[in-house]
Amino acid sequence: MKFRQIEAFRNIMLRGTTAAAAAEMHVTQPAVSRLISDLEHSIGFRLFERRKGRLFPTQEAGEFFRSVEESFLGLEKLESVAVQIRNQAPQELKIASTSAISSSLLPIALSEHERYFPDEKVVIHTDGLAEIVMKLQTNTVDLAVGLQLPQLSGIEQEFIGNARYVFAAKQGHPLLEKQVITADDLKGESVITVLDSNPNYWQKLTTALDNVESELNRRVFIDTSHTAYAMIAQGLAVGVLEPFAARAWANNGVVTRPFEPTIYYPYSIAYPTNTRHHKSLYRFAESVKQSAKTMPEFMSKDVDDR
């Protein structure tokens, strides 16, 4: 049983005559008839009854055709995949991001990206750092945008900028009368604490508050900055946080001020190692980098405490 024989059988079943099948395959009618005859000999049963010069499928042909069609649908799917690989264009762009970046940088970058890939499906996963690492290492996503990750196997990164963390409080809080907030100003305040599976990651923040830690009230613990800003909007606490989500909460009574000592955290685009960077992925990464340059929260160059 050869592929060309199966192709002839399928074309007759779909188009009804050997003439139409021959035209589709760019061969003669006798060539199609020989292919069918050889196929019947190979499989051991008749596929067509010949009456008055026409072919009529047998019951066995109908059963056989169902399996043939399933196989051809599989081939067509492979052809579609091959086209995607050849064009380096995925069916969808899968992105992982922290909640703050997904509500600030990502919409700007995706608006730019849409100009180049208007029909592309985009899937966004909003995750914490541990989940982002897992998705990158298992190739579940094409890339991630957010806080720069520690050096880990299976992940490569591209730096996009540093963000200076800010003090945030509800409008009307006495500390907001100051233009710059220091660690000493936080004494006696309820200060939000970041929960994370890797507490060492937040060492810069911990170190900045070391001298006043014993005088802080730690009663609100969060794992996303949007949750922190929501608590601040209700007047439950103050915090030293990333600056991006503050955009979304400015209309909810949250006010930010510069904090000293200065705390910078680097942000990056992360990819699974050794993955093929198709055209869409490259274009989106460029859009992220260009969009970051337009945001005042980012410093594009390195800073001393990185």
C-alpha atoms as a PDB file:
ATOM      1  CA  MET A   1       0.000   0.000   0.000  1.00  0.00           C
ATOM      2  CA  LYS A   2       1.551   3.256  -1.179  1.00  0.00           C
ATOM      3  CA  PHE A   3       0.709   6.862  -0.444  1.00  0.00           C
ATOM      4  CA  ARG A   4      -0.047   7.650  -4.099  1.00  0.00           C
ATOM      5  CA  GLN A   5      -2.615   4.842  -4.166  1.00  0.00           C
ATOM      6  CA  ILE A   6      -4.310   6.163  -1.029  1.00  0.00           C
ATOM      7  CA  GLU A   7      -4.297   9.669  -2.511  1.00  0.00           C
ATOM      8  CA  ALA A   8      -6.055   8.387  -5.662  1.00  0.00           C
ATOM      9  CA  PHE A   9      -8.692   6.590  -3.561  1.00  0.00           C
ATOM     10  CA  ARG A  10      -9.340   9.688  -1.443  1.00  0.00           C
ATOM     11  CA  ASN A  11      -9.707  11.947  -4.462  1.00  0.00           C
ATOM     12  CA  ILE A  12     -12.240   9.621  -6.087  1.00  0.00           C
ATOM     13  CA  MET A  13     -14.243   9.465  -2.855  1.00  0.00           C
ATOM     14  CA  LEU A  14     -14.216  13.240  -2.499  1.00  0.00           C
ATOM     15  CA  ARG A  15     -14.769  14.177  -6.157  1.00  0.00           C
ATOM     16  CA  GLY A  16     -16.835  11.273  -7.434  1.00  0.00           C
ATOM     17  CA  THR A  17     -15.077  10.345 -10.678  1.00  0.00           C
ATOM     18  CA  THR A  18     -11.691   9.169 -11.899  1.00  0.00           C
ATOM     19  CA  ALA A  19     -11.593  12.128 -14.271  1.00  0.00           C
ATOM     20  CA  ALA A  20     -11.898  14.626 -11.414  1.00  0.00           C
ATOM     21  CA  ALA A  21      -9.371  12.671  -9.338  1.00  0.00           C
ATOM     22  CA  ALA A  22      -6.935  12.613 -12.266  1.00  0.00           C
ATOM     23  CA  ALA A  23      -7.274  16.362 -12.727  1.00  0.00           C
ATOM     24  CA  GLU A  24      -6.606  16.959  -9.025  1.00  0.00           C
ATOM     25  CA  MET A  25      -3.524  14.724  -9.092  1.00  0.00           C
ATOM     26  CA  HIS A  26      -2.303  15.984 -12.486  1.00  0.00           C
ATOM     27  CA  VAL A  27      -2.203  12.499 -14.017  1.00  0.00           C
ATOM     28  CA  THR A  28      -4.278  10.594 -16.599  1.00  0.00           C
ATOM     29  CA  GLN A  29      -7.474   8.669 -15.883  1.00  0.00           C
ATOM     30  CA  PRO A  30      -5.803   5.327 -16.729  1.00  0.00           C
ATOM     31  CA  ALA A  31      -3.078   6.146 -14.181  1.00  0.00           C
ATOM     32  CA  VAL A  32      -5.719   6.688 -11.471  1.00  0.00           C
ATOM     33  CA  SER A  33      -7.454   3.414 -12.423  1.00  0.00           C
ATOM     34  CA  ARG A  34      -4.161   1.530 -12.131  1.00  0.00           C
ATOM     35  CA  LEU A  35      -3.492   3.055  -8.730  1.00  0.00           C
ATOM     36  CA  ILE A  36      -6.927   1.942  -7.482  1.00  0.00           C
ATOM     37  CA  SER A  37      -6.481  -1.540  -8.928  1.00  0.00           C
ATOM     38  CA  ASP A  38      -3.075  -1.895  -7.252  1.00  0.00           C
ATOM     39  CA  LEU A  39      -4.528  -0.632  -3.938  1.00  0.00           C
ATOM     40  CA  GLU A  40      -7.380  -3.171  -4.048  1.00  0.00           C
ATOM     41  CA  HIS A  41      -4.883  -5.936  -4.732  1.00  0.00           C
ATOM     42  CA  SER A  42      -2.741  -4.741  -1.797  1.00  0.00           C
ATOM     43  CA  ILE A  43      -5.542  -4.538   0.797  1.00  0.00           C
ATOM     44  CA  GLY A  44      -7.410  -7.629  -0.374  1.00  0.00           C
ATOM     45  CA  PHE A  45     -10.929  -6.271  -0.951  1.00  0.00           C
ATOM     46  CA  ARG A  46     -12.820  -4.251  -3.565  1.00  0.00           C
ATOM     47  CA  LEU A  47     -13.219  -0.533  -3.075  1.00  0.00           C
ATOM     48  CA  PHE A  48     -15.475   0.208  -6.024  1.00  0.00           C
ATOM     49  CA  GLU A  49     -18.071  -1.541  -8.146  1.00  0.00           C
ATOM     50  CA  ARG A  50     -17.882  -0.685 -11.813  1.00  0.00           C
ATOM     51  CA  ARG A  51     -21.261  -0.182 -13.477  1.00  0.00           C
ATOM     52  CA  LYS A  52     -21.748   1.327 -16.912  1.00  0.00           C
ATOM     53  CA  GLY A  53     -18.366   2.972 -16.853  1.00  0.00           C
ATOM     54  CA  ARG A  54     -18.815   4.537 -13.386  1.00  0.00           C
ATOM     55  CA  LEU A  55     -17.357   3.719  -9.990  1.00  0.00           C
ATOM     56  CA  PHE A  56     -19.602   3.151  -6.957  1.00  0.00           C
ATOM     57  CA  PRO A  57     -17.928   2.855  -3.509  1.00  0.00           C
ATOM     58  CA  THR A  58     -18.457  -0.420  -1.687  1.00  0.00           C
ATOM     59  CA  GLN A  59     -19.415  -0.614   1.986  1.00  0.00           C
ATOM     60  CA  GLU A  60     -15.805  -1.553   2.719  1.00  0.00           C
ATOM     61  CA  ALA A  61     -14.672   1.593   0.867  1.00  0.00           C
ATOM     62  CA  GLY A  62     -16.788   3.731   3.211  1.00  0.00           C
ATOM     63  CA  GLU A  63     -15.223   2.167   6.300  1.00  0.00           C
ATOM     64  CA  PHE A  64     -11.745   2.439   4.823  1.00  0.00           C
ATOM     65  CA  PHE A  65     -12.303   6.081   3.829  1.00  0.00           C
ATOM     66  CA  ARG A  66     -13.034   7.175   7.403  1.00  0.00           C
ATOM     67  CA  SER A  67      -9.584   6.060   8.502  1.00  0.00           C
ATOM     68  CA  VAL A  68      -7.967   7.504   5.386  1.00  0.00           C
ATOM     69  CA  GLU A  69      -9.591  10.881   6.063  1.00  0.00           C
ATOM     70  CA  GLU A  70      -8.380  10.885   9.668  1.00  0.00           C
ATOM     71  CA  SER A  71      -4.858  10.292   8.412  1.00  0.00           C
ATOM     72  CA  PHE A  72      -5.086  13.091   5.859  1.00  0.00           C
ATOM     73  CA  LEU A  73      -6.432  15.495   8.457  1.00  0.00           C
ATOM     74  CA  GLY A  74      -3.363  14.644  10.508  1.00  0.00           C
ATOM     75  CA  LEU A  75      -1.162  15.368   7.510  1.00  0.00           C
ATOM     76  CA  GLU A  76      -2.893  18.687   6.925  1.00  0.00           C
ATOM     77  CA  LYS A  77      -2.245  19.624  10.545  1.00  0.00           C
ATOM     78  CA  LEU A  78       1.427  18.745  10.071  1.00  0.00           C
ATOM     79  CA  GLU A  79       1.519  20.930   6.973  1.00  0.00           C
ATOM     80  CA  SER A  80       0.040  23.804   9.000  1.00  0.00           C
ATOM     81  CA  VAL A  81       2.658  23.325  11.707  1.00  0.00           C
ATOM     82  CA  ALA A  82       5.386  23.246   9.059  1.00  0.00           C
ATOM     83  CA  VAL A  83       4.148  26.562   7.649  1.00  0.00           C
ATOM     84  CA  GLN A  84       4.202  28.114  11.124  1.00  0.00           C
ATOM     85  CA  ILE A  85       7.742  26.894  11.720  1.00  0.00           C
ATOM     86  CA  ARG A  86       8.850  28.028   8.269  1.00  0.00           C
ATOM     87  CA  ASN A  87       7.402  31.488   8.853  1.00  0.00           C
ATOM     88  CA  GLN A  88       8.595  31.511  12.467  1.00  0.00           C
ATOM     89  CA  ALA A  89       5.093  32.614  13.463  1.00  0.00           C
ATOM     90  CA  PRO A  90       3.351  30.904  16.400  1.00  0.00           C
ATOM     91  CA  GLN A  91      -0.379  30.316  16.591  1.00  0.00           C
ATOM     92  CA  GLU A  92      -0.328  32.315  19.798  1.00  0.00           C
ATOM     93  CA  LEU A  93       2.102  34.331  21.860  1.00  0.00           C
ATOM     94  CA  LYS A  94       2.194  33.067  25.455  1.00  0.00           C
ATOM     95  CA  ILE A  95       3.405  35.592  28.031  1.00  0.00           C
ATOM     96  CA  ALA A  96       3.926  35.322  31.780  1.00  0.00           C
ATOM     97  CA  SER A  97       4.082  38.483  33.855  1.00  0.00           C
ATOM     98  CA  THR A  98       3.836  39.852  37.355  1.00  0.00           C
ATOM     99  CA  SER A  99       0.532  41.559  38.137  1.00  0.00           C
ATOM    100  CA  ALA A 100       2.041  45.049  38.270  1.00  0.00           C
ATOM    101  CA  ILE A 101       3.711  44.736  34.861  1.00  0.00           C
ATOM    102  CA  SER A 102       0.627  43.119  33.307  1.00  0.00           C
ATOM    103  CA  SER A 103      -1.402  46.209  34.217  1.00  0.00           C
ATOM    104  CA  SER A 104       1.169  48.825  33.210  1.00  0.00           C
ATOM    105  CA  LEU A 105       3.946  47.916  30.747  1.00  0.00           C
ATOM    106  CA  LEU A 106       2.230  45.016  28.959  1.00  0.00           C
ATOM    107  CA  PRO A 107      -0.788  46.929  27.585  1.00  0.00           C
ATOM    108  CA  ILE A 108       1.528  49.571  26.101  1.00  0.00           C
ATOM    109  CA  ALA A 109       3.834  46.962  24.575  1.00  0.00           C
ATOM    110  CA  LEU A 110       0.955  44.894  23.179  1.00  0.00           C
ATOM    111  CA  SER A 111      -0.589  47.963  21.544  1.00  0.00           C
ATOM    112  CA  GLU A 112       2.684  48.459  19.701  1.00  0.00           C
ATOM    113  CA  HIS A 113       3.040  44.749  18.899  1.00  0.00           C
ATOM    114  CA  GLU A 114      -0.462  44.597  17.430  1.00  0.00           C
ATOM    115  CA  ARG A 115       0.622  46.901  14.617  1.00  0.00           C
ATOM    116  CA  TYR A 116       2.913  44.143  13.323  1.00  0.00           C
ATOM    117  CA  PHE A 117       0.873  41.030  14.225  1.00  0.00           C
ATOM    118  CA  PRO A 118      -2.768  42.165  14.266  1.00  0.00           C
ATOM    119  CA  ASP A 119      -4.257  38.669  14.021  1.00  0.00           C
ATOM    120  CA  GLU A 120      -2.055  36.937  16.571  1.00  0.00           C
ATOM    121  CA  LYS A 121      -3.678  35.357  19.608  1.00  0.00           C
ATOM    122  CA  VAL A 122      -2.073  36.491  22.869  1.00  0.00           C
ATOM    123  CA  VAL A 123      -2.314  34.515  26.121  1.00  0.00           C
ATOM    124  CA  ILE A 124      -1.217  36.299  29.316  1.00  0.00           C
ATOM    125  CA  HIS A 125      -0.503  34.446  32.564  1.00  0.00           C
ATOM    126  CA  THR A 126      -0.308  36.686  35.646  1.00  0.00           C
ATOM    127  CA  ASP A 127       1.900  34.895  38.167  1.00  0.00           C
ATOM    128  CA  GLY A 128       4.266  35.219  41.070  1.00  0.00           C
ATOM    129  CA  LEU A 129       7.988  34.686  40.623  1.00  0.00           C
ATOM    130  CA  ALA A 130       7.924  30.967  41.467  1.00  0.00           C
ATOM    131  CA  GLU A 131       5.185  30.260  38.921  1.00  0.00           C
ATOM    132  CA  ILE A 132       6.967  32.313  36.257  1.00  0.00           C
ATOM    133  CA  VAL A 133      10.166  30.315  36.774  1.00  0.00           C
ATOM    134  CA  MET A 134       8.256  27.041  36.463  1.00  0.00           C
ATOM    135  CA  LYS A 135       6.514  28.126  33.248  1.00  0.00           C
ATOM    136  CA  LEU A 136       9.804  29.229  31.688  1.00  0.00           C
ATOM    137  CA  GLN A 137      11.679  26.064  32.636  1.00  0.00           C
ATOM    138  CA  THR A 138       8.887  23.851  31.261  1.00  0.00           C
ATOM    139  CA  ASN A 139       8.470  25.904  28.043  1.00  0.00           C
ATOM    140  CA  THR A 140       4.848  26.628  28.960  1.00  0.00           C
ATOM    141  CA  VAL A 141       5.279  30.258  27.870  1.00  0.00           C
ATOM    142  CA  ASP A 142       7.299  31.959  25.130  1.00  0.00           C
ATOM    143  CA  LEU A 143       8.647  34.640  27.442  1.00  0.00           C
ATOM    144  CA  ALA A 144       8.098  36.409  30.744  1.00  0.00           C
ATOM    145  CA  VAL A 145       8.238  40.104  31.649  1.00  0.00           C
ATOM    146  CA  GLY A 146       8.802  41.277  35.196  1.00  0.00           C
ATOM    147  CA  LEU A 147      11.307  41.417  38.008  1.00  0.00           C
ATOM    148  CA  GLN A 148      14.685  40.085  36.951  1.00  0.00           C
ATOM    149  CA  LEU A 149      15.024  36.497  38.103  1.00  0.00           C
ATOM    150  CA  PRO A 150      18.027  34.937  39.838  1.00  0.00           C
ATOM    151  CA  GLN A 151      20.377  33.069  37.512  1.00  0.00           C
ATOM    152  CA  LEU A 152      18.639  29.741  36.935  1.00  0.00           C
ATOM    153  CA  SER A 153      19.157  26.832  34.587  1.00  0.00           C
ATOM    154  CA  GLY A 154      16.896  26.804  31.553  1.00  0.00           C
ATOM    155  CA  ILE A 155      16.307  30.570  31.554  1.00  0.00           C
ATOM    156  CA  GLU A 156      18.043  33.404  29.708  1.00  0.00           C
ATOM    157  CA  GLN A 157      17.270  37.083  30.333  1.00  0.00           C
ATOM    158  CA  GLU A 158      17.484  40.488  28.707  1.00  0.00           C
ATOM    159  CA  PHE A 159      17.650  43.531  30.998  1.00  0.00           C
ATOM    160  CA  ILE A 160      15.068  46.272  30.272  1.00  0.00           C
ATOM    161  CA  GLY A 161      15.512  48.700  33.160  1.00  0.00           C
ATOM    162  CA  ASN A 162      15.642  49.430  36.875  1.00  0.00           C
ATOM    163  CA  ALA A 163      12.662  50.651  38.873  1.00  0.00           C
ATOM    164  CA  ARG A 164      12.977  52.749  42.008  1.00  0.00           C
ATOM    165  CA  TYR A 165      10.630  51.532  44.733  1.00  0.00           C
ATOM    166  CA  VAL A 166       8.351  54.123  46.315  1.00  0.00           C
ATOM    167  CA  PHE A 167       6.563  54.826  49.578  1.00  0.00           C
ATOM    168  CA  ALA A 168       2.765  54.563  49.245  1.00  0.00           C
ATOM    169  CA  ALA A 169       0.020  55.666  51.625  1.00  0.00           C
ATOM    170  CA  LYS A 170      -3.640  56.639  51.574  1.00  0.00           C
ATOM    171  CA  GLN A 171      -4.351  60.260  50.709  1.00  0.00           C
ATOM    172  CA  GLY A 172      -4.391  62.330  53.886  1.00  0.00           C
ATOM    173  CA  HIS A 173      -1.807  60.238  55.733  1.00  0.00           C
ATOM    174  CA  PRO A 174       0.415  62.551  57.853  1.00  0.00           C
ATOM    175  CA  LEU A 175       3.644  61.246  56.289  1.00  0.00           C
ATOM    176  CA  LEU A 176       2.534  62.511  52.878  1.00  0.00           C
ATOM    177  CA  GLU A 177       3.222  66.042  54.076  1.00  0.00           C
ATOM    178  CA  LYS A 178       6.879  65.188  53.516  1.00  0.00           C
ATOM    179  CA  GLN A 179       8.365  65.208  50.008  1.00  0.00           C
ATOM    180  CA  VAL A 180      10.727  62.291  50.716  1.00  0.00           C
ATOM    181  CA  ILE A 181      10.054  59.445  53.146  1.00  0.00           C
ATOM    182  CA  THR A 182      12.887  57.783  55.058  1.00  0.00           C
ATOM    183  CA  ALA A 183      13.105  54.504  56.933  1.00  0.00           C
ATOM    184  CA  ASP A 184      12.986  56.405  60.258  1.00  0.00           C
ATOM    185  CA  ASP A 185       9.627  57.897  59.252  1.00  0.00           C
ATOM    186  CA  LEU A 186       8.101  54.415  59.268  1.00  0.00           C
ATOM    187  CA  LYS A 187       8.588  53.858  63.008  1.00  0.00           C
ATOM    188  CA  GLY A 188       5.293  52.875  64.591  1.00  0.00           C
ATOM    189  CA  GLU A 189       3.545  52.466  61.237  1.00  0.00           C
ATOM    190  CA  SER A 190       1.747  49.377  59.966  1.00  0.00           C
ATOM    191  CA  VAL A 191       4.013  48.443  57.059  1.00  0.00           C
ATOM    192  CA  ILE A 192       3.042  45.879  54.424  1.00  0.00           C
ATOM    193  CA  THR A 193       5.242  42.796  54.167  1.00  0.00           C
ATOM    194  CA  VAL A 194       5.924  40.933  50.914  1.00  0.00           C
ATOM    195  CA  LEU A 195       5.460  37.169  51.120  1.00  0.00           C
ATOM    196  CA  ASP A 196       7.631  35.146  48.753  1.00  0.00           C
ATOM    197  CA  SER A 197       8.986  31.609  48.464  1.00  0.00           C
ATOM    198  CA  ASN A 198      12.459  33.134  48.076  1.00  0.00           C
ATOM    199  CA  PRO A 199      12.769  35.795  50.823  1.00  0.00           C
ATOM    200  CA  ASN A 200      16.416  36.443  49.910  1.00  0.00           C
ATOM    201  CA  TYR A 201      15.167  38.006  46.712  1.00  0.00           C
ATOM    202  CA  TRP A 202      13.862  40.965  48.735  1.00  0.00           C
ATOM    203  CA  GLN A 203      17.121  41.490  50.633  1.00  0.00           C
ATOM    204  CA  LYS A 204      17.490  45.090  49.383  1.00  0.00           C
ATOM    205  CA  LEU A 205      14.126  46.001  50.865  1.00  0.00           C
ATOM    206  CA  THR A 206      14.891  44.149  54.091  1.00  0.00           C
ATOM    207  CA  THR A 207      18.276  45.825  54.448  1.00  0.00           C
ATOM    208  CA  ALA A 208      16.802  49.302  53.907  1.00  0.00           C
ATOM    209  CA  LEU A 209      14.492  48.778  56.892  1.00  0.00           C
ATOM    210  CA  ASP A 210      16.880  46.839  59.154  1.00  0.00           C
ATOM    211  CA  ASN A 211      17.574  49.708  61.547  1.00  0.00           C
ATOM    212  CA  VAL A 212      13.872  50.328  62.245  1.00  0.00           C
ATOM    213  CA  GLU A 213      12.504  46.791  61.860  1.00  0.00           C
ATOM    214  CA  SER A 214      11.826  46.312  65.571  1.00  0.00           C
ATOM    215  CA  GLU A 215       9.634  49.431  65.580  1.00  0.00           C
ATOM    216  CA  LEU A 216       7.459  48.474  62.588  1.00  0.00           C
ATOM    217  CA  ASN A 217       4.013  46.958  62.914  1.00  0.00           C
ATOM    218  CA  ARG A 218       3.920  43.919  60.594  1.00  0.00           C
ATOM    219  CA  ARG A 219       0.326  42.754  60.412  1.00  0.00           C
ATOM    220  CA  VAL A 220      -0.535  42.862  56.682  1.00  0.00           C
ATOM    221  CA  PHE A 221       1.189  40.320  54.434  1.00  0.00           C
ATOM    222  CA  ILE A 222       0.688  40.241  50.649  1.00  0.00           C
ATOM    223  CA  ASP A 223       1.959  38.314  47.621  1.00  0.00           C
ATOM    224  CA  THR A 224       1.047  40.785  44.850  1.00  0.00           C
ATOM    225  CA  SER A 225       1.539  44.531  44.729  1.00  0.00           C
ATOM    226  CA  HIS A 226      -2.031  45.164  43.592  1.00  0.00           C
ATOM    227  CA  THR A 227      -3.200  43.562  46.832  1.00  0.00           C
ATOM    228  CA  ALA A 228      -0.800  45.815  48.717  1.00  0.00           C
ATOM    229  CA  TYR A 229      -2.145  48.925  47.022  1.00  0.00           C
ATOM    230  CA  ALA A 230      -5.713  47.790  47.756  1.00  0.00           C
ATOM    231  CA  MET A 231      -4.860  47.525  51.465  1.00  0.00           C
ATOM    232  CA  ILE A 232      -3.224  50.945  51.361  1.00  0.00           C
ATOM    233  CA  ALA A 233      -6.293  52.446  49.631  1.00  0.00           C
ATOM    234  CA  GLN A 234      -8.348  51.291  52.628  1.00  0.00           C
ATOM    235  CA  GLY A 235      -5.922  52.882  55.055  1.00  0.00           C
ATOM    236  CA  LEU A 236      -4.909  49.535  56.560  1.00  0.00           C
ATOM    237  CA  ALA A 237      -1.169  50.058  56.098  1.00  0.00           C
ATOM    238  CA  VAL A 238       1.573  51.900  54.266  1.00  0.00           C
ATOM    239  CA  GLY A 239       4.258  50.273  52.143  1.00  0.00           C
ATOM    240  CA  VAL A 240       7.466  50.488  50.173  1.00  0.00           C
ATOM    241  CA  LEU A 241       6.519  48.967  46.840  1.00  0.00           C
ATOM    242  CA  GLU A 242       7.190  48.723  43.125  1.00  0.00           C
ATOM    243  CA  PRO A 243       5.923  51.885  41.392  1.00  0.00           C
ATOM    244  CA  PHE A 244       3.987  50.416  38.442  1.00  0.00           C
ATOM    245  CA  ALA A 245       0.733  49.340  40.072  1.00  0.00           C
ATOM    246  CA  ALA A 246       0.480  52.789  41.668  1.00  0.00           C
ATOM    247  CA  ARG A 247      -0.853  54.017  38.304  1.00  0.00           C
ATOM    248  CA  ALA A 248      -3.978  51.912  38.684  1.00  0.00           C
ATOM    249  CA  TRP A 249      -4.563  53.037  42.281  1.00  0.00           C
ATOM    250  CA  ALA A 250      -3.953  56.777  41.945  1.00  0.00           C
ATOM    251  CA  ASN A 251      -7.685  57.353  41.417  1.00  0.00           C
ATOM    252  CA  ASN A 252      -8.443  55.333  44.538  1.00  0.00           C
ATOM    253  CA  GLY A 253      -6.732  57.679  46.949  1.00  0.00           C
ATOM    254  CA  VAL A 254      -3.223  56.147  46.894  1.00  0.00           C
ATOM    255  CA  VAL A 255      -0.345  58.638  46.868  1.00  0.00           C
ATOM    256  CA  THR A 256       3.353  57.840  46.442  1.00  0.00           C
ATOM    257  CA  ARG A 257       6.527  59.583  47.516  1.00  0.00           C
ATOM    258  CA  PRO A 258      10.230  58.901  46.894  1.00  0.00           C
ATOM    259  CA  PHE A 259      11.752  56.655  49.546  1.00  0.00           C
ATOM    260  CA  GLU A 260      15.263  56.757  51.005  1.00  0.00           C
ATOM    261  CA  PRO A 261      17.535  54.906  51.171  1.00  0.00           C
ATOM    262  CA  THR A 262      16.871  54.340  47.485  1.00  0.00           C
ATOM    263  CA  ILE A 263      15.906  50.815  46.486  1.00  0.00           C
ATOM    264  CA  TYR A 264      16.231  49.766  42.859  1.00  0.00           C
ATOM    265  CA  TYR A 265      15.127  46.432  41.424  1.00  0.00           C
ATOM    266  CA  PRO A 266      16.004  45.310  37.888  1.00  0.00           C
ATOM    267  CA  TYR A 267      13.359  44.155  35.405  1.00  0.00           C
ATOM    268  CA  SER A 268      13.903  41.938  32.412  1.00  0.00           C
ATOM    269  CA  ILE A 269      12.472  39.846  29.619  1.00  0.00           C
ATOM    270  CA  ALA A 270      13.110  36.147  30.285  1.00  0.00           C
ATOM    271  CA  TYR A 271      13.037  33.291  27.767  1.00  0.00           C
ATOM    272  CA  PRO A 272      13.309  29.510  27.989  1.00  0.00           C
ATOM    273  CA  THR A 273      16.908  28.659  27.049  1.00  0.00           C
ATOM    274  CA  ASN A 274      17.609  27.481  23.483  1.00  0.00           C
ATOM    275  CA  THR A 275      14.107  28.185  22.208  1.00  0.00           C
ATOM    276  CA  ARG A 276      13.723  29.463  18.676  1.00  0.00           C
ATOM    277  CA  HIS A 277      13.053  33.203  18.816  1.00  0.00           C
ATOM    278  CA  HIS A 278      10.480  33.499  16.037  1.00  0.00           C
ATOM    279  CA  LYS A 279       9.664  36.808  14.358  1.00  0.00           C
ATOM    280  CA  SER A 280       6.681  37.539  16.569  1.00  0.00           C
ATOM    281  CA  LEU A 281       8.630  36.913  19.774  1.00  0.00           C
ATOM    282  CA  TYR A 282      11.503  39.120  18.629  1.00  0.00           C
ATOM    283  CA  ARG A 283       9.083  41.876  17.651  1.00  0.00           C
ATOM    284  CA  PHE A 284       7.260  41.730  20.974  1.00  0.00           C
ATOM    285  CA  ALA A 285      10.535  41.907  22.914  1.00  0.00           C
ATOM    286  CA  GLU A 286      11.459  45.025  20.949  1.00  0.00           C
ATOM    287  CA  SER A 287       8.047  46.522  21.750  1.00  0.00           C
ATOM    288  CA  VAL A 288       8.590  45.822  25.467  1.00  0.00           C
ATOM    289  CA  LYS A 289      11.999  47.512  25.440  1.00  0.00           C
ATOM    290  CA  GLN A 290      10.734  50.547  23.516  1.00  0.00           C
ATOM    291  CA  SER A 291       7.669  50.866  25.755  1.00  0.00           C
ATOM    292  CA  ALA A 292       9.821  50.684  28.900  1.00  0.00           C
ATOM    293  CA  LYS A 293      11.776  53.709  27.667  1.00  0.00           C
ATOM    294  CA  THR A 294       8.569  55.768  27.661  1.00  0.00           C
ATOM    295  CA  MET A 295       7.677  54.953  31.274  1.00  0.00           C
ATOM    296  CA  PRO A 296       9.034  57.280  33.987  1.00  0.00           C
ATOM    297  CA  GLU A 297       9.140  54.363  36.451  1.00  0.00           C
ATOM    298  CA  PHE A 298      12.069  52.839  34.550  1.00  0.00           C
ATOM    299  CA  MET A 299      15.700  53.826  34.533  1.00  0.00           C
ATOM    300  CA  SER A 300      17.203  52.203  31.428  1.00  0.00           C
ATOM    301  CA  LYS A 301      20.797  52.289  32.669  1.00  0.00           C
ATOM    302  CA  ASP A 302      22.417  50.393  35.509  1.00  0.00           C
ATOM    303  CA  VAL A 303      22.529  51.879  38.988  1.00  0.00           C
ATOM    304  CA  ASP A 304      25.150  51.512  41.678  1.00  0.00           C
ATOM    305  CA  ASP A 305      23.216  49.233  44.040  1.00  0.00           C
ATOM    306  CA  ARG A 306      22.327  46.592  41.478  1.00  0.00           C
END
